[in-house]
């Protein structure tokens, strides 16, 4: 059964507005990474997802 057959419709999202908001959030994170944003990033996210780091990354310190 397809999404359409299930009655699932794409969300009505203004893609340009969404793109602008995402870029603004990434800019905020880049300029102030210690701010305490509500989403996980980088190495801590990788640990949470139980992803294996490449050998070259194992010796880097998490900030």
C-alpha atoms as a PDB file:
ATOM      1  CA  UNK A   1       0.000   0.000   0.000  1.00  0.00           C
ATOM      2  CA  UNK A   2       1.408   3.407  -0.958  1.00  0.00           C
ATOM      3  CA  UNK A   3       1.454   6.516   1.226  1.00  0.00           C
ATOM      4  CA  UNK A   4      -1.226   8.054  -0.993  1.00  0.00           C
ATOM      5  CA  UNK A   5      -3.421   5.001  -0.561  1.00  0.00           C
ATOM      6  CA  UNK A   6      -2.977   5.334   3.219  1.00  0.00           C
ATOM      7  CA  UNK A   7      -4.033   8.963   3.025  1.00  0.00           C
ATOM      8  CA  UNK A   8      -0.559  10.309   3.805  1.00  0.00           C
ATOM      9  CA  UNK A   9       0.031  13.662   2.159  1.00  0.00           C
ATOM     10  CA  UNK A  10       3.240  15.684   1.974  1.00  0.00           C
ATOM     11  CA  UNK A  11       3.470  18.515   4.485  1.00  0.00           C
ATOM     12  CA  UNK A  12       2.819  21.967   3.105  1.00  0.00           C
ATOM     13  CA  UNK A  13       6.203  23.511   3.849  1.00  0.00           C
ATOM     14  CA  UNK A  14       7.725  26.622   2.378  1.00  0.00           C
ATOM     15  CA  UNK A  15      11.076  25.139   1.387  1.00  0.00           C
ATOM     16  CA  UNK A  16      12.827  28.485   1.079  1.00  0.00           C
ATOM     17  CA  UNK A  17      11.671  29.536   4.553  1.00  0.00           C
ATOM     18  CA  UNK A  18      12.693  26.171   6.020  1.00  0.00           C
ATOM     19  CA  UNK A  19      16.109  26.383   4.338  1.00  0.00           C
ATOM     20  CA  UNK A  20      16.616  29.895   5.729  1.00  0.00           C
ATOM     21  CA  UNK A  21      15.656  28.813   9.248  1.00  0.00           C
ATOM     22  CA  UNK A  22      18.005  25.818   9.112  1.00  0.00           C
ATOM     23  CA  UNK A  23      20.872  27.976   7.873  1.00  0.00           C
ATOM     24  CA  UNK A  24      20.222  30.473  10.672  1.00  0.00           C
ATOM     25  CA  UNK A  25      20.311  27.684  13.287  1.00  0.00           C
ATOM     26  CA  UNK A  26      23.556  26.255  11.883  1.00  0.00           C
ATOM     27  CA  UNK A  27      25.047  29.742  11.993  1.00  0.00           C
ATOM     28  CA  UNK A  28      24.008  30.093  15.650  1.00  0.00           C
ATOM     29  CA  UNK A  29      25.606  26.746  16.502  1.00  0.00           C
ATOM     30  CA  UNK A  30      28.803  27.572  14.606  1.00  0.00           C
ATOM     31  CA  UNK A  31      29.171  30.946  16.308  1.00  0.00           C
ATOM     32  CA  UNK A  32      28.318  29.740  19.820  1.00  0.00           C
ATOM     33  CA  UNK A  33      28.713  25.940  20.115  1.00  0.00           C
ATOM     34  CA  UNK A  34      28.760  26.066  23.919  1.00  0.00           C
ATOM     35  CA  UNK A  35      25.362  27.718  24.138  1.00  0.00           C
ATOM     36  CA  UNK A  36      23.589  24.482  25.053  1.00  0.00           C
ATOM     37  CA  UNK A  37      21.326  23.844  22.118  1.00  0.00           C
ATOM     38  CA  UNK A  38      18.600  21.237  22.471  1.00  0.00           C
ATOM     39  CA  UNK A  39      20.040  18.837  19.902  1.00  0.00           C
ATOM     40  CA  UNK A  40      23.125  16.677  20.072  1.00  0.00           C
ATOM     41  CA  UNK A  41      25.969  17.040  17.602  1.00  0.00           C
ATOM     42  CA  UNK A  42      29.369  15.673  16.750  1.00  0.00           C
ATOM     43  CA  UNK A  43      31.174  13.067  18.759  1.00  0.00           C
ATOM     44  CA  UNK A  44      28.632  12.934  21.593  1.00  0.00           C
ATOM     45  CA  UNK A  45      25.890  12.179  19.057  1.00  0.00           C
ATOM     46  CA  UNK A  46      28.048   9.481  17.497  1.00  0.00           C
ATOM     47  CA  UNK A  47      28.479   7.875  20.919  1.00  0.00           C
ATOM     48  CA  UNK A  48      24.743   8.036  21.534  1.00  0.00           C
ATOM     49  CA  UNK A  49      24.126   6.334  18.214  1.00  0.00           C
ATOM     50  CA  UNK A  50      26.781   3.737  19.043  1.00  0.00           C
ATOM     51  CA  UNK A  51      28.667   4.508  15.876  1.00  0.00           C
ATOM     52  CA  UNK A  52      32.271   3.433  15.645  1.00  0.00           C
ATOM     53  CA  UNK A  53      34.727   6.214  15.116  1.00  0.00           C
ATOM     54  CA  UNK A  54      37.494   5.801  12.571  1.00  0.00           C
ATOM     55  CA  UNK A  55      40.828   4.919  14.143  1.00  0.00           C
ATOM     56  CA  UNK A  56      42.166   8.373  13.281  1.00  0.00           C
ATOM     57  CA  UNK A  57      39.442   9.986  15.425  1.00  0.00           C
ATOM     58  CA  UNK A  58      39.770   7.796  18.523  1.00  0.00           C
ATOM     59  CA  UNK A  59      42.501   9.879  20.101  1.00  0.00           C
ATOM     60  CA  UNK A  60      40.879  13.281  19.713  1.00  0.00           C
ATOM     61  CA  UNK A  61      39.455  14.780  22.874  1.00  0.00           C
ATOM     62  CA  UNK A  62      35.788  15.627  23.059  1.00  0.00           C
ATOM     63  CA  UNK A  63      35.144  19.220  23.965  1.00  0.00           C
END
